[in-house]
Protein backbone atom coordinates (compact mmCIF):
# COMPACT_ATOMS: atom_id res chain seq x y z
CA MET A 1 73.26 85.06 128.89
CA ASN A 2 72.88 85.19 125.21
CA LEU A 3 76.13 86.72 123.39
CA GLU A 4 74.93 87.84 119.87
CA MET A 5 77.10 88.50 116.91
CA PRO A 6 76.11 89.13 112.71
CA THR A 7 76.59 86.32 110.89
CA MET A 8 78.45 86.04 107.54
CA GLU A 9 75.21 86.01 106.25
CA THR A 10 75.03 89.72 107.28
CA GLY A 11 77.71 90.83 104.92
CA SER A 12 80.99 90.64 107.60
CA ILE A 13 82.02 90.49 111.14
CA SER A 14 84.46 93.06 112.54
CA LEU A 15 86.27 91.97 115.86
CA ALA A 16 89.05 93.78 118.21
CA ILE A 17 91.38 92.39 120.18
CA THR A 18 93.58 94.94 122.24
CA GLY A 19 96.53 94.34 125.23
CA SER A 20 99.70 95.49 126.02
CA GLY A 21 103.05 94.79 124.38
CA GLY A 22 103.39 90.63 125.45
CA SER A 23 99.88 89.96 125.92
CA GLY A 24 99.11 87.97 122.38
CA ALA A 25 96.81 90.44 120.97
CA VAL A 26 98.55 90.28 117.40
CA THR A 27 99.15 86.11 117.93
CA ALA A 28 95.44 85.73 118.81
CA GLY A 29 94.77 87.65 115.60
CA LEU A 30 96.76 85.99 113.49
CA ILE A 31 95.33 82.84 114.48
CA LEU A 32 91.72 83.90 114.10
CA LEU A 33 92.62 85.07 110.44
CA GLU A 34 94.27 81.56 109.71
CA ALA A 35 91.28 79.70 111.13
CA ALA A 36 89.05 81.96 108.92
CA ALA A 37 91.01 80.90 106.02
CA LYS A 38 90.77 77.46 106.76
CA SER A 39 87.00 77.81 107.01
CA GLY A 40 86.62 79.18 103.65
CA LEU A 41 86.61 82.51 104.46
CA TYR A 42 88.22 85.84 103.48
CA GLY A 43 89.29 88.46 106.00
CA LEU A 44 91.57 91.51 106.77
CA MET A 45 93.71 91.75 110.12
CA MET A 46 95.37 95.06 110.61
CA ARG A 47 97.79 96.10 113.60
CA SER A 48 98.29 98.92 115.36
CA ALA A 49 100.80 99.83 117.94
CA GLY A 50 101.90 102.92 120.03
CA PRO A 51 105.48 104.57 118.67
CA GLN A 52 107.63 103.40 121.10
CA ILE A 53 110.33 100.61 120.12
CA ARG A 54 109.59 97.76 122.86
CA GLY A 55 106.22 97.13 125.02
CA GLY A 56 103.08 100.02 125.17
CA GLU A 57 99.68 99.26 123.47
CA SER A 58 98.81 96.52 120.83
CA LEU A 59 96.04 96.06 119.07
CA SER A 60 94.48 93.51 116.31
CA LEU A 61 91.70 94.70 114.29
CA LEU A 62 89.61 91.71 111.76
CA ARG A 63 87.26 91.77 109.34
CA LEU A 64 86.09 88.37 108.25
CA ALA A 65 83.61 87.52 105.35
CA GLY A 66 82.30 85.26 102.76
CA SER A 67 83.30 87.49 100.04
CA PRO A 68 86.64 89.20 99.81
CA VAL A 69 87.39 92.55 101.87
CA ALA A 70 89.74 95.19 101.50
CA CYS A 71 89.02 97.62 103.97
CA MET A 72 87.74 98.00 108.00
CA ASP A 73 84.20 98.47 108.00
CA ASP A 74 82.22 101.61 109.74
CA HIS A 75 82.33 99.65 113.26
CA PHE A 76 83.25 96.79 115.15
CA ASP A 77 81.01 94.33 116.31
CA LEU A 78 83.26 92.64 118.92
CA LEU A 79 85.83 94.21 121.59
CA LEU A 80 88.22 91.74 123.11
CA GLY A 81 90.03 93.42 126.03
CA LEU A 82 93.26 91.01 126.72
CA ASP A 83 94.08 93.56 129.38
CA TRP A 84 93.70 96.97 129.12
CA HIS A 85 96.74 99.06 130.03
CA ASN A 86 96.87 102.10 127.13
CA ALA A 87 94.13 100.42 125.69
CA GLY A 88 92.27 104.05 125.39
CA ARG A 89 94.66 104.97 123.56
CA PHE A 90 93.18 103.04 120.35
CA ALA A 91 89.98 104.30 120.88
CA GLN A 92 89.63 106.38 117.80
CA GLU A 93 90.93 103.45 115.96
CA ILE A 94 87.84 101.14 117.91
CA PRO A 95 84.51 102.80 116.87
CA LEU A 96 82.02 100.93 118.58
CA HIS A 97 78.04 101.11 118.34
CA ALA A 98 74.95 100.39 120.49
CA SER A 99 75.06 96.69 119.63
CA SER A 100 78.89 96.27 119.54
CA LEU A 101 79.73 93.31 122.37
CA ILE A 102 82.93 94.10 124.72
CA LEU A 103 84.06 91.04 126.48
CA SER A 104 86.90 91.05 129.21
CA ASP A 105 87.51 89.13 132.10
CA PRO A 106 86.54 91.51 135.52
CA ALA A 107 89.76 90.08 137.23
CA ILE A 108 92.12 92.17 134.98
CA GLY A 109 90.66 95.73 135.65
CA ALA A 110 88.32 98.08 134.63
CA ILE A 111 87.06 98.54 130.96
CA PRO A 112 88.25 102.40 130.18
CA ASP A 113 84.96 104.51 129.89
CA THR A 114 85.90 106.34 126.43
CA PHE A 115 84.73 102.33 124.97
CA THR A 116 81.52 101.94 126.89
CA ALA A 117 80.26 105.81 126.45
CA GLY A 118 78.43 104.51 123.19
CA GLY A 119 76.26 101.74 124.75
CA ALA A 120 78.12 98.91 123.78
CA VAL A 121 77.13 95.87 125.56
CA VAL A 122 79.51 94.34 128.15
CA ARG A 123 80.10 90.83 129.14
CA GLY A 124 82.58 89.92 131.87
CA LEU A 125 83.79 86.44 131.00
CA THR A 126 86.20 84.37 133.20
CA PHE A 127 89.09 84.28 130.62
CA LYS A 128 92.13 84.47 132.93
CA ASP A 129 90.42 81.35 135.35
CA ARG A 130 89.85 79.04 132.14
CA ALA A 131 93.54 79.51 131.14
CA ALA A 132 94.78 78.49 134.64
CA ARG A 133 93.30 75.34 134.50
CA VAL A 134 95.55 74.27 131.81
CA ASP A 135 99.27 73.76 132.24
CA GLY A 136 101.40 76.48 130.46
CA GLY A 137 97.71 78.02 129.57
CA ARG A 138 97.38 81.72 128.12
CA LEU A 139 94.78 84.31 128.57
CA ASN A 140 94.81 85.37 124.65
CA MET A 141 94.06 81.63 123.69
CA VAL A 142 91.20 81.23 125.57
CA ALA A 143 89.83 84.53 124.47
CA VAL A 144 90.61 83.13 120.58
CA GLY A 145 88.53 79.92 121.31
CA THR A 146 85.49 82.23 122.55
CA ALA A 147 86.02 84.68 119.72
CA GLY A 148 85.62 81.94 117.05
CA ALA A 149 82.90 80.61 118.70
CA LEU A 150 80.96 83.82 118.31
CA CYS A 151 82.37 84.92 114.68
CA GLY A 152 80.62 80.67 113.66
CA LEU A 153 84.93 79.53 113.21
CA PRO A 154 84.70 75.98 113.87
CA GLN A 155 86.75 74.50 116.79
CA ASP A 156 88.86 71.90 114.99
CA MET A 157 90.00 75.04 112.67
CA LEU A 158 91.05 77.34 115.26
CA ALA A 159 93.13 74.30 116.37
CA LEU A 160 94.68 73.71 113.17
CA ALA A 161 95.41 77.27 113.06
CA ALA A 162 97.15 77.69 116.51
CA ASP A 163 99.36 74.82 115.69
CA GLU A 164 100.37 76.76 112.33
CA ILE A 165 100.83 79.98 114.16
CA LEU A 166 102.58 78.44 117.06
CA LYS A 167 104.62 75.13 115.86
CA ALA A 168 107.68 77.15 115.91
CA LYS A 169 107.35 77.56 119.74
CA GLY A 170 107.62 73.78 120.51
CA PRO A 171 104.88 71.17 120.83
CA GLY A 172 103.90 72.28 124.58
CA VAL A 173 103.30 75.60 123.73
CA VAL A 174 100.97 74.27 120.57
CA GLU A 175 99.31 71.50 123.12
CA ALA A 176 98.75 74.23 125.60
CA ALA A 177 97.25 76.78 123.25
CA THR A 178 94.68 74.39 121.51
CA ALA A 179 93.71 73.24 125.41
CA CYS A 180 93.02 76.77 125.99
CA VAL A 181 90.99 77.20 122.64
CA ALA A 182 88.84 74.45 123.58
CA GLN A 183 88.14 76.12 127.34
CA GLY A 184 86.98 79.22 125.24
CA TYR A 185 84.71 77.63 122.98
CA ALA A 186 83.20 75.64 125.84
CA LEU A 187 82.97 79.22 127.71
CA ALA A 188 81.36 80.72 124.59
CA THR A 189 78.68 77.58 124.27
CA GLU A 190 77.82 78.01 128.30
CA HIS A 191 76.80 81.46 127.19
CA ASP A 192 74.17 80.42 124.41
CA VAL A 193 76.39 80.65 121.59
CA PRO A 194 75.10 78.04 118.94
CA ALA A 195 77.56 75.03 117.96
CA THR A 196 78.91 75.55 114.04
CA LYS A 197 79.46 72.97 111.76
CA PRO A 198 83.20 72.25 110.75
CA THR A 199 83.99 72.72 107.24
CA HIS A 200 87.44 72.77 105.28
CA SER A 201 88.42 75.16 102.17
CA THR A 202 90.32 73.25 99.42
CA LEU A 203 90.40 76.61 97.40
CA ALA A 204 93.97 78.27 96.55
CA ARG A 205 93.68 81.49 98.25
CA TRP A 206 96.74 83.66 100.08
CA ASN A 207 97.08 84.57 103.59
CA ILE A 208 99.75 87.46 103.04
CA SER A 209 100.81 90.49 104.57
CA GLY A 210 101.29 93.68 101.84
CA ASN A 211 104.87 93.43 102.68
CA GLU A 212 104.84 90.25 101.86
CA ALA A 213 103.37 90.59 98.72
CA CYS A 214 105.70 93.30 97.89
CA GLY A 215 108.05 90.53 98.26
CA LEU A 216 107.09 88.21 96.18
CA GLY A 217 106.02 90.42 93.36
CA ALA A 218 109.66 91.53 93.37
CA LEU A 219 110.83 87.60 92.87
CA ARG A 220 108.39 87.35 90.55
CA GLY A 221 109.80 90.43 88.53
CA GLY A 222 113.15 88.75 88.45
CA VAL A 223 114.79 90.87 91.31
CA ARG A 224 117.83 88.50 92.56
CA PHE A 225 119.93 92.01 94.67
CA VAL A 226 118.34 93.83 97.60
CA ALA A 227 120.12 96.06 99.48
CA ALA A 228 118.38 98.28 102.28
CA TYR A 229 118.55 99.78 105.50
CA PRO A 230 116.22 98.75 108.29
CA ILE A 231 112.93 101.38 108.84
CA THR A 232 109.82 101.03 110.21
CA PRO A 233 107.08 99.66 108.17
CA ALA A 234 108.96 98.37 105.41
CA THR A 235 111.61 96.42 107.31
CA ASP A 236 109.23 93.39 107.04
CA ILE A 237 109.92 93.30 103.06
CA LEU A 238 113.38 92.72 104.24
CA GLU A 239 113.05 89.97 106.39
CA TRP A 240 110.98 88.10 103.94
CA LEU A 241 112.89 88.79 100.88
CA GLY A 242 116.52 87.44 103.07
CA PRO A 243 116.23 83.64 103.05
CA ARG A 244 114.25 83.76 99.90
CA LEU A 245 116.41 85.65 97.79
CA GLU A 246 119.06 83.18 99.03
CA GLN A 247 117.27 80.22 97.97
CA LEU A 248 116.76 81.68 94.12
CA GLY A 249 120.93 82.45 94.27
CA GLY A 250 120.29 86.11 94.95
CA LEU A 251 121.58 88.33 97.85
CA LEU A 252 120.26 90.48 100.65
CA VAL A 253 122.68 93.20 101.93
CA GLN A 254 121.82 95.75 104.73
CA ALA A 255 123.54 98.64 104.13
CA GLU A 256 125.13 101.36 106.39
CA ASP A 257 122.42 104.05 105.26
CA GLU A 258 119.62 104.47 102.80
CA LEU A 259 122.74 106.07 100.33
CA ALA A 260 124.67 103.69 100.39
CA SER A 261 121.32 101.39 99.67
CA ILE A 262 120.36 102.96 96.69
CA ASN A 263 123.84 103.22 95.01
CA MET A 264 124.11 99.25 95.73
CA VAL A 265 121.04 98.67 93.57
CA ILE A 266 122.27 101.18 90.90
CA GLY A 267 125.59 99.28 90.92
CA ALA A 268 123.99 95.98 91.25
CA SER A 269 121.60 96.54 87.86
CA TYR A 270 124.34 98.66 85.79
CA GLY A 271 125.63 94.76 86.12
CA GLY A 272 122.86 93.41 84.71
CA VAL A 273 121.00 92.03 87.88
CA PRO A 274 117.49 93.53 88.36
CA ALA A 275 117.65 95.07 91.94
CA LEU A 276 115.37 96.66 94.60
CA THR A 277 115.43 98.53 98.10
CA ALA A 278 112.87 98.91 100.36
CA THR A 279 112.31 102.26 102.75
CA SER A 280 109.78 104.71 104.41
CA GLY A 281 109.32 108.52 103.40
CA PRO A 282 112.57 109.59 105.57
CA GLY A 283 114.85 106.96 103.71
CA LEU A 284 112.98 108.01 100.18
CA SER A 285 114.09 111.84 100.53
CA LEU A 286 117.67 110.49 101.09
CA MET A 287 117.77 108.66 98.18
CA GLN A 288 116.52 111.02 95.92
CA GLU A 289 119.92 112.01 94.12
CA GLY A 290 120.58 108.69 93.99
CA LEU A 291 117.39 108.01 92.12
CA GLY A 292 118.13 110.94 89.89
CA LEU A 293 121.48 109.02 88.85
CA ALA A 294 119.65 106.16 88.34
CA VAL A 295 117.44 108.25 85.59
CA ALA A 296 119.94 110.44 83.78
CA SER A 297 122.15 106.92 83.70
CA GLU A 298 119.25 105.02 82.52
CA ILE A 299 119.78 102.06 85.29
CA PRO A 300 116.33 100.61 85.86
CA VAL A 301 116.11 100.31 89.81
CA VAL A 302 112.89 99.68 91.79
CA VAL A 303 112.11 101.20 95.17
CA ILE A 304 109.24 100.49 97.80
CA ASP A 305 108.19 103.17 99.91
CA VAL A 306 106.05 101.97 102.57
CA THR A 307 104.62 105.32 103.57
CA ARG A 308 103.91 106.20 107.18
CA GLY A 309 102.57 109.39 108.96
CA GLY A 310 104.96 112.24 108.34
CA PRO A 311 106.43 114.85 108.48
CA SER A 312 110.15 114.14 109.87
CA THR A 313 109.88 111.12 112.20
CA GLY A 314 106.27 111.35 112.55
CA ILE A 315 104.29 108.49 113.51
CA PRO A 316 106.36 105.30 112.33
CA THR A 317 103.43 102.96 113.23
CA LYS A 318 100.68 104.42 111.67
CA PRO A 319 99.38 104.82 107.83
CA GLU A 320 98.86 108.07 105.90
CA GLN A 321 98.97 108.74 102.15
CA SER A 322 101.38 111.52 102.34
CA ASP A 323 104.90 111.23 100.23
CA LEU A 324 102.93 111.35 96.89
CA ASN A 325 104.38 114.74 96.27
CA VAL A 326 108.18 113.48 97.27
CA ALA A 327 107.51 110.84 94.68
CA LEU A 328 106.88 112.89 91.65
CA TYR A 329 108.62 115.73 92.45
CA GLY A 330 111.48 114.99 94.77
CA MET A 331 114.05 114.71 92.22
CA HIS A 332 115.92 118.15 91.40
CA GLY A 333 116.07 118.79 87.29
CA ASP A 334 113.66 117.11 85.05
CA ALA A 335 113.71 113.39 85.76
CA PRO A 336 110.92 111.63 84.58
CA HIS A 337 110.28 108.34 86.23
CA LEU A 338 107.63 105.85 87.23
CA VAL A 339 105.48 106.11 90.02
CA LEU A 340 102.86 103.01 90.92
CA ALA A 341 100.83 102.34 94.18
CA PRO A 342 99.20 99.00 95.01
CA LEU A 343 95.69 99.25 95.55
CA ASP A 344 95.09 96.35 98.03
CA VAL A 345 97.09 93.60 99.95
CA ARG A 346 96.91 91.25 97.19
CA ASP A 347 97.64 93.99 94.35
CA CYS A 348 100.97 94.69 96.61
CA ALA A 349 102.35 91.65 94.27
CA PHE A 350 100.99 92.91 91.05
CA THR A 351 102.23 95.97 91.53
CA THR A 352 105.52 95.17 92.33
CA GLN A 353 106.12 92.82 89.67
CA TRP A 354 104.83 95.21 87.16
CA ALA A 355 107.10 98.42 88.40
CA VAL A 356 110.30 95.88 88.36
CA ARG A 357 109.41 94.91 84.82
CA LEU A 358 108.29 98.22 83.77
CA ALA A 359 111.56 100.11 85.36
CA GLU A 360 113.99 96.84 83.04
CA HIS A 361 112.16 97.56 79.60
CA LEU A 362 112.47 101.56 79.90
CA GLN A 363 115.66 101.38 81.75
CA THR A 364 114.74 103.54 84.76
CA ALA A 365 113.58 104.48 88.27
CA ALA A 366 110.43 103.04 89.60
CA ILE A 367 108.79 104.30 92.79
CA VAL A 368 105.92 101.99 94.22
CA LEU A 369 104.06 103.73 96.79
CA SER A 370 102.55 101.35 99.93
CA ASP A 371 101.96 102.33 103.16
CA GLN A 372 101.68 100.77 106.63
CA SER A 373 97.95 100.18 106.16
CA LEU A 374 98.69 98.37 103.51
CA GLY A 375 101.93 96.58 104.26
CA GLN A 376 101.19 94.98 107.46
CA THR A 377 98.02 93.85 107.07
CA ARG A 378 97.57 90.30 106.48
CA ALA A 379 94.93 89.33 104.16
CA VAL A 380 93.24 85.88 103.22
CA THR A 381 92.67 86.75 99.15
CA ASP A 382 92.73 84.82 95.85
CA PRO A 383 96.04 85.02 94.20
CA ALA A 384 97.34 88.17 92.17
CA LYS A 385 96.94 88.35 88.33
CA LEU A 386 100.56 88.05 87.08
CA PRO A 387 101.53 91.53 84.56
CA GLY A 388 101.93 91.01 80.78
CA ILE A 389 104.90 92.57 80.49
CA PRO A 390 107.67 90.05 80.24
CA LEU A 391 111.26 90.32 81.95
CA GLN A 392 113.17 92.40 79.32
CA ARG A 393 115.80 94.45 79.22
CA VAL A 394 116.84 95.78 75.80
CA THR A 395 120.31 94.38 75.79
CA GLU A 396 123.11 95.03 73.09
CA PRO A 397 125.18 91.39 73.19
CA SER A 398 127.44 92.27 70.40
CA PRO A 399 128.04 96.18 69.91
CA ALA A 400 129.24 97.86 66.76
CA SER A 401 132.38 100.00 66.89
CA ASP A 402 130.64 103.04 67.05
CA TYR A 403 128.03 101.95 69.86
CA ARG A 404 126.08 104.24 71.01
CA ARG A 405 124.81 103.40 74.35
CA TYR A 406 122.30 106.35 74.73
CA ALA A 407 120.93 106.15 70.85
CA LEU A 408 118.27 108.32 69.99
CA THR A 409 115.92 105.70 69.36
CA ALA A 410 112.10 106.18 68.32
CA ASP A 411 110.86 104.82 71.68
CA GLY A 412 113.40 106.29 73.59
CA VAL A 413 114.72 103.16 74.96
CA SER A 414 118.49 102.41 73.82
CA PRO A 415 120.63 98.92 73.75
CA MET A 416 122.45 98.49 77.12
CA THR A 417 125.56 96.58 77.34
CA LEU A 418 126.47 94.55 80.27
CA PRO A 419 130.35 95.31 81.73
CA GLY A 420 132.65 93.19 80.30
CA THR A 421 130.81 92.78 76.65
CA LYS A 422 133.61 93.76 74.04
CA GLY A 423 133.00 96.84 72.23
CA GLY A 424 130.32 97.77 74.81
CA MET A 425 132.37 100.30 77.15
CA TYR A 426 130.34 103.42 78.06
CA THR A 427 130.60 105.92 80.34
CA ALA A 428 127.34 106.30 82.72
CA ASP A 429 127.36 108.87 85.18
CA GLY A 430 125.16 112.09 86.55
CA LEU A 431 126.80 113.75 84.19
CA GLU A 432 124.83 115.22 80.67
CA HIS A 433 125.93 113.39 77.72
CA ASP A 434 125.41 112.66 74.27
CA ALA A 435 124.70 109.72 72.49
CA PHE A 436 128.34 107.62 73.25
CA GLY A 437 127.64 108.61 76.87
CA ILE A 438 130.57 111.26 76.86
CA PRO A 439 130.05 113.96 79.43
CA SER A 440 128.47 117.18 76.96
CA SER A 441 127.36 120.62 78.01
CA LEU A 442 126.34 121.29 74.91
CA ALA A 443 122.53 122.75 74.73
CA ALA A 444 121.45 120.27 71.95
CA ASP A 445 122.92 117.25 73.80
CA HIS A 446 120.74 118.22 76.90
CA HIS A 447 117.75 118.92 75.17
CA GLN A 448 117.65 115.49 73.10
CA GLN A 449 118.62 113.38 76.29
CA LEU A 450 116.13 114.93 77.92
CA ASP A 451 113.37 114.26 75.10
CA LYS A 452 114.63 110.90 75.34
CA ARG A 453 113.79 110.25 78.70
CA ARG A 454 110.22 111.60 78.68
CA ARG A 455 109.40 110.41 75.40
CA LYS A 456 110.42 106.66 76.19
CA ILE A 457 107.94 106.47 79.49
CA GLU A 458 105.09 108.91 78.06
CA ALA A 459 104.54 107.12 74.48
CA PHE A 460 104.98 103.66 76.33
CA ASP A 461 101.63 101.88 76.02
CA PHE A 462 100.91 100.78 79.77
CA GLY A 463 97.50 98.68 78.78
CA SER A 464 94.69 98.97 81.11
CA ASP A 465 96.89 98.23 84.05
CA TRP A 466 97.17 101.71 84.87
CA ALA A 467 93.97 102.16 86.70
CA GLU A 468 91.12 99.87 87.83
CA LEU A 469 87.80 100.92 86.73
CA ARG A 470 84.30 100.21 88.49
CA GLY A 471 80.86 100.79 87.36
CA ASP A 472 79.06 104.18 85.72
CA GLY A 473 77.11 107.09 86.72
CA LYS A 474 77.76 110.60 86.54
CA LEU A 475 78.97 110.95 90.09
CA CYS A 476 82.72 109.93 90.32
CA LEU A 477 84.86 108.87 92.59
CA ILE A 478 89.36 108.74 92.39
CA CYS A 479 91.37 107.49 94.63
CA TRP A 480 94.77 105.88 95.10
CA GLY A 481 96.51 103.28 96.68
CA SER A 482 95.29 102.05 100.28
CA SER A 483 92.12 104.44 100.16
CA SER A 484 90.72 102.39 97.28
CA GLY A 485 89.44 99.48 99.26
CA ALA A 486 87.02 101.82 101.28
CA THR A 487 86.46 103.83 98.38
CA PHE A 488 85.20 100.66 96.31
CA GLU A 489 83.30 99.58 99.27
CA ALA A 490 81.64 103.10 99.33
CA GLY A 491 80.90 102.78 95.80
CA GLU A 492 79.10 99.50 96.16
CA ARG A 493 76.89 100.97 99.14
CA LEU A 494 76.19 104.24 97.28
CA LEU A 495 75.02 101.96 94.25
CA ALA A 496 72.86 99.99 96.56
CA ASP A 497 71.09 102.73 97.68
CA GLY A 498 70.19 103.19 94.06
CA ILE A 499 72.75 106.18 93.39
CA ALA A 500 75.01 105.61 89.96
CA ILE A 501 78.66 105.78 90.20
CA ARG A 502 81.88 104.85 88.62
CA VAL A 503 85.26 104.84 90.67
CA ILE A 504 88.35 104.95 89.31
CA ALA A 505 91.36 104.01 91.32
CA LEU A 506 94.86 105.03 90.06
CA ARG A 507 97.48 102.33 89.60
CA LEU A 508 100.24 104.26 87.61
CA LEU A 509 100.73 107.82 88.96
CA ALA A 510 103.75 108.79 86.82
CA PRO A 511 103.23 109.23 84.09
CA LEU A 512 100.18 110.23 84.30
CA ARG A 513 97.68 108.83 81.86
CA SER A 514 95.80 111.80 81.54
CA ASP A 515 93.80 110.95 78.04
CA ALA A 516 93.01 107.82 79.67
CA LEU A 517 91.81 109.48 82.65
CA ALA A 518 89.66 112.12 80.49
CA GLN A 519 88.10 109.21 78.33
CA ALA A 520 87.47 107.54 81.51
CA LEU A 521 85.88 110.64 82.93
CA ALA A 522 83.66 111.38 79.89
CA GLY A 523 79.98 112.27 80.91
CA VAL A 524 80.81 112.78 84.42
CA GLU A 525 79.04 115.80 86.50
CA LYS A 526 80.60 115.26 89.58
CA VAL A 527 83.87 113.95 91.06
CA TRP A 528 85.30 113.39 94.46
CA VAL A 529 89.10 112.64 94.87
CA VAL A 530 89.79 110.83 98.35
CA GLU A 531 92.89 110.28 99.91
CA GLN A 532 94.54 109.67 103.12
CA ASN A 533 97.10 112.72 103.55
CA HIS A 534 96.27 116.25 104.90
CA SER A 535 96.61 118.50 101.85
CA GLY A 536 94.87 116.77 98.84
CA GLN A 537 98.22 115.73 97.10
CA LEU A 538 96.43 113.56 94.33
CA TYR A 539 93.89 116.27 93.82
CA HIS A 540 96.09 119.68 93.32
CA TYR A 541 98.12 116.68 90.83
CA LEU A 542 95.30 116.06 88.91
CA ARG A 543 94.19 120.07 88.71
CA SER A 544 97.65 120.09 87.37
CA TYR A 545 96.83 118.08 84.51
CA GLY A 546 93.38 119.93 84.06
CA VAL A 547 91.29 116.53 83.78
CA LEU A 548 89.15 117.17 86.83
CA PRO A 549 86.26 119.22 86.29
CA GLU A 550 86.16 123.05 87.89
CA ASP A 551 83.60 122.08 90.87
CA ALA A 552 85.54 118.90 91.82
CA HIS A 553 85.67 118.17 95.55
CA SER A 554 88.68 116.90 97.59
CA LEU A 555 87.83 114.64 100.62
CA ALA A 556 91.72 114.48 102.14
CA LYS A 557 91.99 112.87 105.49
CA PRO A 558 95.30 112.63 106.74
CA GLY A 559 96.04 109.82 109.19
CA PRO A 560 97.04 107.59 111.47
CA ILE A 561 93.61 106.60 111.22
CA PRO A 562 92.33 104.84 107.53
CA LEU A 563 89.55 105.93 105.76
CA ARG A 564 86.31 103.82 106.16
CA PRO A 565 83.51 103.60 103.67
CA GLY A 566 80.99 105.59 105.69
CA GLU A 567 82.77 108.71 105.85
CA ILE A 568 83.10 108.77 101.91
CA ILE A 569 79.60 108.21 101.63
CA GLU A 570 78.82 110.84 104.29
CA ALA A 571 80.90 113.25 102.24
CA VAL A 572 79.48 112.17 98.73
CA LYS A 573 75.55 112.65 100.12
CA HIS A 574 75.99 115.67 102.36
CA GLY A 575 79.15 117.45 101.65
């Protein structure tokens, strides 16, 4: 029985591993991704689960390639079933084609018809029996060996990866896992899978999740205080930051709720410590009043919003780009602030670091819009670039007797004193004020301070990092955040088909660089705005600035299934 799989020479290999909670689907995916990294490959691993707190269905989705990848492919080449309990709920997330291969052990039950209806090839392998040959053996580790062989991953790299992922569980677990991987590898070889030559990568690559990358960017940016309330899918950021902040002399506080966390962050920043909180959509809604205070009092803060499907509790374990409107418009009154969105897992580090530096320099609030598909996806990727702006808060170390905290400077950024600075006392609250910080309801003071707060972010030179621009042509795709990976790949495929195309992925959403965007759109005749929400929030936002041609099209697809390149190509060619 010949088991055939694509090779890296064909571009990439995509595989899915499904099981119920506790079956080890996520662990299996982590080991395969780590083995790919050690073998010199790039890759992505997304995970999916049901909305229940514990147990239920579990899924790992992987794509491995010899060059960087930033999204899942249109279909999966291999589906591994560790068990099939509630696996049918994942049917739409695991599109298969006629040449896809499903591997499962008949001893664990029948494969749901939803996976076999499209003609995928089914092979029954004795994973359970092979696991039973090893003391403490696990079926998922046997499957890792078979899948690794099918993907061309060397057995020694799989063993090294198992040790890396499982070493905290003790040497006995690692030994059993390594033996099971060998059993699975042998099982694949018995079915005419060719042996692969061991390789090893010495290249400096990251194996990192989007949430971890956001945490890294925060630390690189200078953040040393974090206050937050746990919420899916942002909690990973806090768990990653906690011990690392402590090592750097910083502090993480678990607040009693989101209102407390944003106010703690404002207080820490007022004291001179760069500060951050992380949340998801419902938490961001609760923070809006506090963010308005940060804008009015010109105290720098950063909020990472790892967006999930909404509204209300929505779908906490699935992705959606549906918080753009609340990030842009949620605060009452005119409250100019920064809204940024990382374009892929690696870019989470750059964009978060950039957000911290910008917030510190411009003394304002910055919202970073990640989402579940970025935050909880792991990537084997090249390291992120570093932003050009240094860590710099404009401070006044020796204020004069007439110190004006909110002085009407040319660029709108006024010198800020730290608490305890002699002669540097001022009022910082949510009331409108004059240049000294004294509360005022005079129209002139209100107008001047409104102009000042707007001027400092609109007049700032953000450089070329406001967007990622690729290609040229009369057809243009505009995207933002996590939809960028699929959009870039769609652009590459269209170009390969002879269609000249340019792609604009927006990283800085507010303030919108409308002049730069208009220049980037020069000569374009047809525009598609690509995003993952129901109402086309970016499309209407760009419409409000008048930067889109009259016949621009909106490709807005809600979650919970991420956009795929083929969907975008289909819309562009036939929409």
